[in-house]
Amino acid sequence: MEKILAVYNSRFSNLHEIKISPLSRAYTFSDSVYEVIPFYNFELIAFDKHISRLRNSCNALNLVLDFKKTTKEILQLISESNLKNGYVYYQVSRGVDAIRSHIFNDNLSIETFGYVVEHVFKSQKLKVMLCEDLRWKRCDIKSTSLLGNVMSMNNAKKKACDEVIMHKENILTEGGASNLFFTDDKTVFTPSISTNILPGITRELLINEIKDAGIQVIEDEFNINDLKNAESIWLTSSTKGVAQVSDVFDLEVSLIEDHPLYLRCNKIFNEKFLGGC
């Protein structure tokens, strides 16, 4: 079995050696949040922004986390892994109940868990499927409660799709594990941040960099008809980078492969954060 370095409640060991109680509220209620922190060529990507988003998620659930300890554990995972490129998954739950109960005991001790794995950052072309957004109304919280995403993405898998683009009554939200961008010949469009959309770190980084390069970005409310007129569609995330969509299942759209505006934006992002890969 591959040895994956992990940490549980500040104790480091191999992932397969970690034992977690079935009464963890992460298990029984998804009463937990998480963060995925990428690193490339031994350098963390937007580490402070990821920690800030984790802090916001914890605050939304009133989870009191020792962020100095968390930061130290994440850095130690990366350092001891000796991996050049990869990511850390880090999860925070409210703790372990004495017995399952919707109403939690205020004296529970915060439970933390994380691991580090290697990841290859590479160019991707994704086939996606449109689907109704089944998720709850606080998708701005990076909660481990991802059943809606899981259901939609596995339904898409049956159609030989890699990802989904979700919408609420035709209003575009985001991907199953990504943020959404699309373009015409000269402008980049993306749904504006709301409680229906996770504020993606890669999304933010990309917007800032391409705006600095003089590219127009419009953040607004868009619908499926707007997507039909797109020349190029992309999805962004910490592990996908900027991945172009090659085909949208069951939607009439004429996408231009390797669209010039996509190539320019992808190059800007890669040169800034991924060493030009």
C-alpha atoms as a PDB file:
ATOM      1  CA  MET A   1       0.000   0.000   0.000  1.00  0.00           C
ATOM      2  CA  GLU A   2       1.236   3.471  -0.912  1.00  0.00           C
ATOM      3  CA  LYS A   3       2.410   5.378   2.133  1.00  0.00           C
ATOM      4  CA  ILE A   4       0.596   8.698   2.402  1.00  0.00           C
ATOM      5  CA  LEU A   5       1.706  11.066   5.134  1.00  0.00           C
ATOM      6  CA  ALA A   6      -1.226  12.250   7.254  1.00  0.00           C
ATOM      7  CA  VAL A   7      -2.054  13.986  10.517  1.00  0.00           C
ATOM      8  CA  TYR A   8      -4.972  13.445  12.889  1.00  0.00           C
ATOM      9  CA  ASN A   9      -5.444  15.725  15.884  1.00  0.00           C
ATOM     10  CA  SER A  10      -1.810  16.856  15.545  1.00  0.00           C
ATOM     11  CA  ARG A  11      -0.398  13.288  15.496  1.00  0.00           C
ATOM     12  CA  PHE A  12       1.481  12.417  12.302  1.00  0.00           C
ATOM     13  CA  SER A  13       1.452   8.928  10.792  1.00  0.00           C
ATOM     14  CA  ASN A  14       0.659   7.074   7.592  1.00  0.00           C
ATOM     15  CA  LEU A  15      -2.882   7.570   6.319  1.00  0.00           C
ATOM     16  CA  HIS A  16      -3.866   3.896   6.569  1.00  0.00           C
ATOM     17  CA  GLU A  17      -2.886   3.845  10.252  1.00  0.00           C
ATOM     18  CA  ILE A  18      -5.289   6.624  11.264  1.00  0.00           C
ATOM     19  CA  LYS A  19      -8.464   5.513  13.025  1.00  0.00           C
ATOM     20  CA  ILE A  20     -11.404   7.900  13.392  1.00  0.00           C
ATOM     21  CA  SER A  21     -14.496   7.354  15.535  1.00  0.00           C
ATOM     22  CA  PRO A  22     -17.764   6.622  13.692  1.00  0.00           C
ATOM     23  CA  LEU A  23     -19.282   9.194  16.057  1.00  0.00           C
ATOM     24  CA  SER A  24     -17.184  11.964  14.551  1.00  0.00           C
ATOM     25  CA  ARG A  25     -19.624  14.673  13.512  1.00  0.00           C
ATOM     26  CA  ALA A  26     -17.812  14.797  10.187  1.00  0.00           C
ATOM     27  CA  TYR A  27     -19.101  11.259   9.628  1.00  0.00           C
ATOM     28  CA  THR A  28     -22.602  11.490  11.074  1.00  0.00           C
ATOM     29  CA  PHE A  29     -23.606  15.030  10.087  1.00  0.00           C
ATOM     30  CA  SER A  30     -20.967  16.482   7.715  1.00  0.00           C
ATOM     31  CA  ASP A  31     -20.500  18.987  10.528  1.00  0.00           C
ATOM     32  CA  SER A  32     -17.105  19.858   9.100  1.00  0.00           C
ATOM     33  CA  VAL A  33     -15.253  22.005   6.594  1.00  0.00           C
ATOM     34  CA  TYR A  34     -12.154  21.459   4.528  1.00  0.00           C
ATOM     35  CA  GLU A  35      -9.534  23.097   2.365  1.00  0.00           C
ATOM     36  CA  VAL A  36      -7.315  21.917  -0.498  1.00  0.00           C
ATOM     37  CA  ILE A  37      -3.952  23.701  -0.629  1.00  0.00           C
ATOM     38  CA  PRO A  38      -1.856  23.125  -3.779  1.00  0.00           C
ATOM     39  CA  PHE A  39       1.886  23.494  -4.111  1.00  0.00           C
ATOM     40  CA  TYR A  40       4.079  23.519  -7.204  1.00  0.00           C
ATOM     41  CA  ASN A  41       7.867  23.160  -7.380  1.00  0.00           C
ATOM     42  CA  PHE A  42       7.930  23.111  -3.537  1.00  0.00           C
ATOM     43  CA  GLU A  43       6.105  26.483  -3.457  1.00  0.00           C
ATOM     44  CA  LEU A  44       2.644  26.911  -1.902  1.00  0.00           C
ATOM     45  CA  ILE A  45       0.069  28.525  -4.192  1.00  0.00           C
ATOM     46  CA  ALA A  46      -1.893  31.354  -2.517  1.00  0.00           C
ATOM     47  CA  PHE A  47      -1.457  29.787   0.920  1.00  0.00           C
ATOM     48  CA  ASP A  48      -2.747  32.851   2.825  1.00  0.00           C
ATOM     49  CA  LYS A  49      -5.901  32.946   0.699  1.00  0.00           C
ATOM     50  CA  HIS A  50      -6.601  29.261   1.379  1.00  0.00           C
ATOM     51  CA  ILE A  51      -6.124  29.766   5.117  1.00  0.00           C
ATOM     52  CA  SER A  52      -8.379  32.824   4.996  1.00  0.00           C
ATOM     53  CA  ARG A  53     -11.118  30.807   3.254  1.00  0.00           C
ATOM     54  CA  LEU A  54     -10.757  28.023   5.828  1.00  0.00           C
ATOM     55  CA  ARG A  55     -11.105  30.649   8.551  1.00  0.00           C
ATOM     56  CA  ASN A  56     -14.304  31.958   6.915  1.00  0.00           C
ATOM     57  CA  SER A  57     -15.733  28.434   6.695  1.00  0.00           C
ATOM     58  CA  CYS A  58     -14.907  27.770  10.352  1.00  0.00           C
ATOM     59  CA  ASN A  59     -16.440  31.074  11.400  1.00  0.00           C
ATOM     60  CA  ALA A  60     -19.652  30.248   9.515  1.00  0.00           C
ATOM     61  CA  LEU A  61     -19.988  27.053  11.592  1.00  0.00           C
ATOM     62  CA  ASN A  62     -18.655  28.634  14.814  1.00  0.00           C
ATOM     63  CA  LEU A  63     -15.673  26.271  14.817  1.00  0.00           C
ATOM     64  CA  VAL A  64     -12.819  27.634  16.912  1.00  0.00           C
ATOM     65  CA  LEU A  65      -9.598  26.446  15.269  1.00  0.00           C
ATOM     66  CA  ASP A  66      -5.996  27.054  16.304  1.00  0.00           C
ATOM     67  CA  PHE A  67      -4.773  28.423  12.967  1.00  0.00           C
ATOM     68  CA  LYS A  68      -1.147  28.629  14.068  1.00  0.00           C
ATOM     69  CA  LYS A  69      -1.203  24.912  14.753  1.00  0.00           C
ATOM     70  CA  THR A  70      -3.066  24.207  11.497  1.00  0.00           C
ATOM     71  CA  THR A  71      -0.571  26.226   9.477  1.00  0.00           C
ATOM     72  CA  LYS A  72       2.321  24.405  11.122  1.00  0.00           C
ATOM     73  CA  GLU A  73       0.755  21.005  10.389  1.00  0.00           C
ATOM     74  CA  ILE A  74       0.127  21.819   6.727  1.00  0.00           C
ATOM     75  CA  LEU A  75       3.679  23.043   6.251  1.00  0.00           C
ATOM     76  CA  GLN A  76       5.050  19.970   8.039  1.00  0.00           C
ATOM     77  CA  LEU A  77       3.022  17.634   5.816  1.00  0.00           C
ATOM     78  CA  ILE A  78       4.530  19.236   2.721  1.00  0.00           C
ATOM     79  CA  SER A  79       8.034  19.392   4.135  1.00  0.00           C
ATOM     80  CA  GLU A  80       8.152  15.776   5.324  1.00  0.00           C
ATOM     81  CA  SER A  81       6.525  14.417   2.162  1.00  0.00           C
ATOM     82  CA  ASN A  82       9.460  15.573   0.005  1.00  0.00           C
ATOM     83  CA  LEU A  83       6.972  15.973  -2.840  1.00  0.00           C
ATOM     84  CA  LYS A  84       7.701  18.584  -5.492  1.00  0.00           C
ATOM     85  CA  ASN A  85       4.133  19.049  -6.736  1.00  0.00           C
ATOM     86  CA  GLY A  86       0.925  18.135  -4.944  1.00  0.00           C
ATOM     87  CA  TYR A  87      -1.723  19.283  -2.532  1.00  0.00           C
ATOM     88  CA  VAL A  88      -2.750  19.024   1.109  1.00  0.00           C
ATOM     89  CA  TYR A  89      -6.306  18.091   2.053  1.00  0.00           C
ATOM     90  CA  TYR A  90      -7.122  19.501   5.494  1.00  0.00           C
ATOM     91  CA  GLN A  91     -10.428  18.929   7.316  1.00  0.00           C
ATOM     92  CA  VAL A  92     -11.874  20.418  10.500  1.00  0.00           C
ATOM     93  CA  SER A  93     -14.874  18.919  12.296  1.00  0.00           C
ATOM     94  CA  ARG A  94     -16.713  19.976  15.425  1.00  0.00           C
ATOM     95  CA  GLY A  95     -15.548  16.839  17.199  1.00  0.00           C
ATOM     96  CA  VAL A  96     -16.703  13.422  18.361  1.00  0.00           C
ATOM     97  CA  ASP A  97     -20.096  12.980  20.058  1.00  0.00           C
ATOM     98  CA  ALA A  98     -20.631  10.673  23.030  1.00  0.00           C
ATOM     99  CA  ILE A  99     -23.671   9.474  21.098  1.00  0.00           C
ATOM    100  CA  ARG A 100     -25.142  10.799  17.850  1.00  0.00           C
ATOM    101  CA  SER A 101     -27.167  13.960  18.456  1.00  0.00           C
ATOM    102  CA  HIS A 102     -28.261  16.815  16.194  1.00  0.00           C
ATOM    103  CA  ILE A 103     -27.658  19.288  19.014  1.00  0.00           C
ATOM    104  CA  PHE A 104     -23.979  19.238  19.853  1.00  0.00           C
ATOM    105  CA  ASN A 105     -22.303  19.559  23.218  1.00  0.00           C
ATOM    106  CA  ASP A 106     -20.558  22.929  23.559  1.00  0.00           C
ATOM    107  CA  ASN A 107     -17.572  21.215  25.218  1.00  0.00           C
ATOM    108  CA  LEU A 108     -16.577  19.100  22.193  1.00  0.00           C
ATOM    109  CA  SER A 109     -12.934  19.248  21.155  1.00  0.00           C
ATOM    110  CA  ILE A 110     -12.249  20.283  17.558  1.00  0.00           C
ATOM    111  CA  GLU A 111     -11.159  17.356  15.391  1.00  0.00           C
ATOM    112  CA  THR A 112      -8.589  17.912  12.617  1.00  0.00           C
ATOM    113  CA  PHE A 113      -7.379  15.636   9.850  1.00  0.00           C
ATOM    114  CA  GLY A 114      -5.131  16.144   6.868  1.00  0.00           C
ATOM    115  CA  TYR A 115      -2.924  14.400   4.338  1.00  0.00           C
ATOM    116  CA  VAL A 116      -0.594  15.247   1.469  1.00  0.00           C
ATOM    117  CA  VAL A 117      -0.442  13.612  -1.967  1.00  0.00           C
ATOM    118  CA  GLU A 118       1.401  14.114  -5.208  1.00  0.00           C
ATOM    119  CA  HIS A 119      -0.467  15.815  -8.054  1.00  0.00           C
ATOM    120  CA  VAL A 120       0.390  16.381 -11.705  1.00  0.00           C
ATOM    121  CA  PHE A 121      -0.695  19.819 -12.906  1.00  0.00           C
ATOM    122  CA  LYS A 122      -1.469  19.370 -16.583  1.00  0.00           C
ATOM    123  CA  SER A 123      -3.579  20.818 -19.359  1.00  0.00           C
ATOM    124  CA  GLN A 124      -7.034  19.223 -19.529  1.00  0.00           C
ATOM    125  CA  LYS A 125      -9.926  19.175 -21.969  1.00  0.00           C
ATOM    126  CA  LEU A 126     -13.166  18.247 -20.248  1.00  0.00           C
ATOM    127  CA  LYS A 127     -16.504  16.995 -21.457  1.00  0.00           C
ATOM    128  CA  VAL A 128     -19.226  18.327 -19.169  1.00  0.00           C
ATOM    129  CA  MET A 129     -22.954  17.924 -18.603  1.00  0.00           C
ATOM    130  CA  LEU A 130     -25.484  20.552 -17.560  1.00  0.00           C
ATOM    131  CA  CYS A 131     -27.535  19.686 -14.475  1.00  0.00           C
ATOM    132  CA  GLU A 132     -29.848  21.279 -11.957  1.00  0.00           C
ATOM    133  CA  ASP A 133     -28.001  22.494  -8.861  1.00  0.00           C
ATOM    134  CA  LEU A 134     -29.237  20.182  -6.072  1.00  0.00           C
ATOM    135  CA  ARG A 135     -27.116  21.618  -3.281  1.00  0.00           C
ATOM    136  CA  TRP A 136     -28.022  23.527  -0.140  1.00  0.00           C
ATOM    137  CA  LYS A 137     -28.124  27.338   0.045  1.00  0.00           C
ATOM    138  CA  ARG A 138     -24.710  27.934   1.633  1.00  0.00           C
ATOM    139  CA  CYS A 139     -22.307  26.755  -1.035  1.00  0.00           C
ATOM    140  CA  ASP A 140     -19.988  29.639  -0.087  1.00  0.00           C
ATOM    141  CA  ILE A 141     -19.010  27.489   2.919  1.00  0.00           C
ATOM    142  CA  LYS A 142     -16.455  24.835   1.947  1.00  0.00           C
ATOM    143  CA  SER A 143     -18.368  22.108   3.735  1.00  0.00           C
ATOM    144  CA  THR A 144     -17.683  18.380   3.458  1.00  0.00           C
ATOM    145  CA  SER A 145     -21.423  18.002   2.767  1.00  0.00           C
ATOM    146  CA  LEU A 146     -20.998  17.332  -0.967  1.00  0.00           C
ATOM    147  CA  LEU A 147     -23.715  14.773  -1.680  1.00  0.00           C
ATOM    148  CA  GLY A 148     -25.376  16.997  -4.289  1.00  0.00           C
ATOM    149  CA  ASN A 149     -22.050  17.360  -6.121  1.00  0.00           C
ATOM    150  CA  VAL A 150     -21.375  13.631  -5.854  1.00  0.00           C
ATOM    151  CA  MET A 151     -24.788  12.669  -7.233  1.00  0.00           C
ATOM    152  CA  SER A 152     -24.523  15.076 -10.156  1.00  0.00           C
ATOM    153  CA  MET A 153     -20.944  14.214 -11.076  1.00  0.00           C
ATOM    154  CA  ASN A 154     -21.566  10.470 -10.997  1.00  0.00           C
ATOM    155  CA  ASN A 155     -24.673  10.889 -13.141  1.00  0.00           C
ATOM    156  CA  ALA A 156     -22.461  12.787 -15.576  1.00  0.00           C
ATOM    157  CA  LYS A 157     -19.900  10.002 -15.473  1.00  0.00           C
ATOM    158  CA  LYS A 158     -22.569   7.651 -16.873  1.00  0.00           C
ATOM    159  CA  LYS A 159     -22.726   9.951 -19.908  1.00  0.00           C
ATOM    160  CA  ALA A 160     -18.928   9.759 -20.305  1.00  0.00           C
ATOM    161  CA  CYS A 161     -18.568  13.276 -18.902  1.00  0.00           C
ATOM    162  CA  ASP A 162     -15.739  14.490 -16.670  1.00  0.00           C
ATOM    163  CA  GLU A 163     -17.560  17.302 -14.846  1.00  0.00           C
ATOM    164  CA  VAL A 164     -20.842  19.190 -14.610  1.00  0.00           C
ATOM    165  CA  ILE A 165     -21.996  22.776 -14.964  1.00  0.00           C
ATOM    166  CA  MET A 166     -24.783  23.422 -12.488  1.00  0.00           C
ATOM    167  CA  HIS A 167     -27.691  25.850 -12.693  1.00  0.00           C
ATOM    168  CA  LYS A 168     -30.568  26.875 -10.432  1.00  0.00           C
ATOM    169  CA  GLU A 169     -33.654  27.283 -12.626  1.00  0.00           C
ATOM    170  CA  ASN A 170     -31.411  28.117 -15.616  1.00  0.00           C
ATOM    171  CA  ILE A 171     -29.180  30.552 -13.684  1.00  0.00           C
ATOM    172  CA  LEU A 172     -25.586  29.301 -13.921  1.00  0.00           C
ATOM    173  CA  THR A 173     -23.749  28.646 -10.656  1.00  0.00           C
ATOM    174  CA  GLU A 174     -20.535  26.591 -10.928  1.00  0.00           C
ATOM    175  CA  GLY A 175     -19.002  23.222 -11.697  1.00  0.00           C
ATOM    176  CA  GLY A 176     -19.231  20.158  -9.496  1.00  0.00           C
ATOM    177  CA  ALA A 177     -15.721  20.818  -8.180  1.00  0.00           C
ATOM    178  CA  SER A 178     -14.780  24.026  -9.962  1.00  0.00           C
ATOM    179  CA  ASN A 179     -15.749  27.571 -10.943  1.00  0.00           C
ATOM    180  CA  LEU A 180     -17.127  28.480 -14.359  1.00  0.00           C
ATOM    181  CA  PHE A 181     -15.812  30.884 -17.001  1.00  0.00           C
ATOM    182  CA  PHE A 182     -16.865  31.446 -20.617  1.00  0.00           C
ATOM    183  CA  THR A 183     -15.980  33.912 -23.354  1.00  0.00           C
ATOM    184  CA  ASP A 184     -16.916  35.578 -26.586  1.00  0.00           C
ATOM    185  CA  ASP A 185     -14.132  36.834 -28.854  1.00  0.00           C
ATOM    186  CA  LYS A 186     -12.768  39.445 -26.431  1.00  0.00           C
ATOM    187  CA  THR A 187     -14.469  39.274 -23.011  1.00  0.00           C
ATOM    188  CA  VAL A 188     -14.346  36.776 -20.142  1.00  0.00           C
ATOM    189  CA  PHE A 189     -17.572  36.120 -18.213  1.00  0.00           C
ATOM    190  CA  THR A 190     -18.048  34.354 -14.876  1.00  0.00           C
ATOM    191  CA  PRO A 191     -20.966  34.064 -12.426  1.00  0.00           C
ATOM    192  CA  SER A 192     -20.580  36.560  -9.604  1.00  0.00           C
ATOM    193  CA  ILE A 193     -19.939  35.271  -6.102  1.00  0.00           C
ATOM    194  CA  SER A 194     -23.007  34.534  -3.998  1.00  0.00           C
ATOM    195  CA  THR A 195     -24.071  32.038  -1.342  1.00  0.00           C
ATOM    196  CA  ASN A 196     -24.716  29.622  -4.254  1.00  0.00           C
ATOM    197  CA  ILE A 197     -21.071  29.692  -5.329  1.00  0.00           C
ATOM    198  CA  LEU A 198     -17.837  28.809  -3.554  1.00  0.00           C
ATOM    199  CA  PRO A 199     -15.340  31.692  -3.764  1.00  0.00           C
ATOM    200  CA  GLY A 200     -12.658  29.728  -5.592  1.00  0.00           C
ATOM    201  CA  ILE A 201      -9.050  30.701  -4.938  1.00  0.00           C
ATOM    202  CA  THR A 202      -7.967  29.826  -8.493  1.00  0.00           C
ATOM    203  CA  ARG A 203     -10.952  31.820  -9.755  1.00  0.00           C
ATOM    204  CA  GLU A 204      -9.789  34.865  -7.810  1.00  0.00           C
ATOM    205  CA  LEU A 205      -6.159  34.488  -8.841  1.00  0.00           C
ATOM    206  CA  LEU A 206      -7.073  34.149 -12.508  1.00  0.00           C
ATOM    207  CA  ILE A 207      -9.412  37.144 -12.496  1.00  0.00           C
ATOM    208  CA  ASN A 208      -6.809  39.364 -10.849  1.00  0.00           C
ATOM    209  CA  GLU A 209      -4.025  38.348 -13.234  1.00  0.00           C
ATOM    210  CA  ILE A 210      -5.972  38.639 -16.480  1.00  0.00           C
ATOM    211  CA  LYS A 211      -7.475  41.974 -15.428  1.00  0.00           C
ATOM    212  CA  ASP A 212      -3.935  43.245 -14.807  1.00  0.00           C
ATOM    213  CA  ALA A 213      -3.113  42.103 -18.351  1.00  0.00           C
ATOM    214  CA  GLY A 214      -5.898  44.297 -19.736  1.00  0.00           C
ATOM    215  CA  ILE A 215      -8.481  41.575 -20.379  1.00  0.00           C
ATOM    216  CA  GLN A 216     -12.083  42.532 -19.667  1.00  0.00           C
ATOM    217  CA  VAL A 217     -13.814  40.336 -17.066  1.00  0.00           C
ATOM    218  CA  ILE A 218     -17.533  40.625 -16.344  1.00  0.00           C
ATOM    219  CA  GLU A 219     -18.902  39.063 -13.140  1.00  0.00           C
ATOM    220  CA  ASP A 220     -22.687  38.892 -13.248  1.00  0.00           C
ATOM    221  CA  GLU A 221     -25.722  36.611 -13.309  1.00  0.00           C
ATOM    222  CA  PHE A 222     -25.814  34.433 -16.422  1.00  0.00           C
ATOM    223  CA  ASN A 223     -28.178  31.796 -17.737  1.00  0.00           C
ATOM    224  CA  ILE A 224     -27.985  28.756 -19.986  1.00  0.00           C
ATOM    225  CA  ASN A 225     -28.738  30.859 -23.092  1.00  0.00           C
ATOM    226  CA  ASP A 226     -25.619  32.911 -22.366  1.00  0.00           C
ATOM    227  CA  LEU A 227     -23.633  29.698 -22.341  1.00  0.00           C
ATOM    228  CA  LYS A 228     -25.062  28.697 -25.726  1.00  0.00           C
ATOM    229  CA  ASN A 229     -23.403  31.742 -27.253  1.00  0.00           C
ATOM    230  CA  ALA A 230     -19.990  31.058 -25.746  1.00  0.00           C
ATOM    231  CA  GLU A 231     -16.955  30.573 -27.970  1.00  0.00           C
ATOM    232  CA  SER A 232     -14.966  28.978 -25.152  1.00  0.00           C
ATOM    233  CA  ILE A 233     -15.800  27.571 -21.704  1.00  0.00           C
ATOM    234  CA  TRP A 234     -13.319  26.903 -18.873  1.00  0.00           C
ATOM    235  CA  LEU A 235     -13.449  25.436 -15.380  1.00  0.00           C
ATOM    236  CA  THR A 236     -10.994  26.427 -12.657  1.00  0.00           C
ATOM    237  CA  SER A 237      -9.919  24.833  -9.378  1.00  0.00           C
ATOM    238  CA  SER A 238      -6.843  24.284  -7.236  1.00  0.00           C
ATOM    239  CA  THR A 239      -6.157  20.914  -8.880  1.00  0.00           C
ATOM    240  CA  LYS A 240      -7.541  21.555 -12.392  1.00  0.00           C
ATOM    241  CA  GLY A 241      -5.873  24.910 -12.886  1.00  0.00           C
ATOM    242  CA  VAL A 242      -7.600  26.425 -15.934  1.00  0.00           C
ATOM    243  CA  ALA A 243      -9.189  23.543 -17.839  1.00  0.00           C
ATOM    244  CA  GLN A 244     -11.039  24.139 -21.085  1.00  0.00           C
ATOM    245  CA  VAL A 245     -14.338  22.440 -21.894  1.00  0.00           C
ATOM    246  CA  SER A 246     -14.318  20.525 -25.157  1.00  0.00           C
ATOM    247  CA  ASP A 247     -18.003  19.557 -25.262  1.00  0.00           C
ATOM    248  CA  VAL A 248     -21.234  20.137 -23.333  1.00  0.00           C
ATOM    249  CA  PHE A 249     -23.522  17.107 -23.314  1.00  0.00           C
ATOM    250  CA  ASP A 250     -27.046  17.855 -24.556  1.00  0.00           C
ATOM    251  CA  LEU A 251     -26.383  21.560 -25.259  1.00  0.00           C
ATOM    252  CA  GLU A 252     -26.049  23.105 -28.695  1.00  0.00           C
ATOM    253  CA  VAL A 253     -22.897  25.162 -28.429  1.00  0.00           C
ATOM    254  CA  SER A 254     -20.078  25.726 -30.940  1.00  0.00           C
ATOM    255  CA  LEU A 255     -16.876  25.847 -28.934  1.00  0.00           C
ATOM    256  CA  ILE A 256     -13.583  26.855 -30.490  1.00  0.00           C
ATOM    257  CA  GLU A 257     -10.856  24.457 -29.383  1.00  0.00           C
ATOM    258  CA  ASP A 258      -7.807  26.269 -27.992  1.00  0.00           C
ATOM    259  CA  HIS A 259      -9.584  29.601 -28.318  1.00  0.00           C
ATOM    260  CA  PRO A 260      -7.037  32.474 -28.472  1.00  0.00           C
ATOM    261  CA  LEU A 261      -8.487  34.181 -25.391  1.00  0.00           C
ATOM    262  CA  TYR A 262      -8.436  30.918 -23.431  1.00  0.00           C
ATOM    263  CA  LEU A 263      -4.829  30.248 -24.474  1.00  0.00           C
ATOM    264  CA  ARG A 264      -3.797  33.744 -23.423  1.00  0.00           C
ATOM    265  CA  CYS A 265      -5.498  33.520 -20.028  1.00  0.00           C
ATOM    266  CA  ASN A 266      -4.198  30.004 -19.397  1.00  0.00           C
ATOM    267  CA  LYS A 267      -0.662  31.132 -20.251  1.00  0.00           C
ATOM    268  CA  ILE A 268      -0.925  34.097 -17.885  1.00  0.00           C
ATOM    269  CA  PHE A 269      -2.064  31.849 -15.035  1.00  0.00           C
ATOM    270  CA  ASN A 270       0.493  29.103 -15.671  1.00  0.00           C
ATOM    271  CA  GLU A 271       3.421  31.483 -15.970  1.00  0.00           C
ATOM    272  CA  LYS A 272       2.451  33.197 -12.719  1.00  0.00           C
ATOM    273  CA  PHE A 273       1.626  30.136 -10.582  1.00  0.00           C
ATOM    274  CA  LEU A 274       2.794  26.928 -12.301  1.00  0.00           C
ATOM    275  CA  GLY A 275       6.177  27.797 -13.708  1.00  0.00           C
ATOM    276  CA  GLY A 276       4.817  28.032 -17.262  1.00  0.00           C
ATOM    277  CA  CYS A 277       3.770  24.376 -17.444  1.00  0.00           C
END
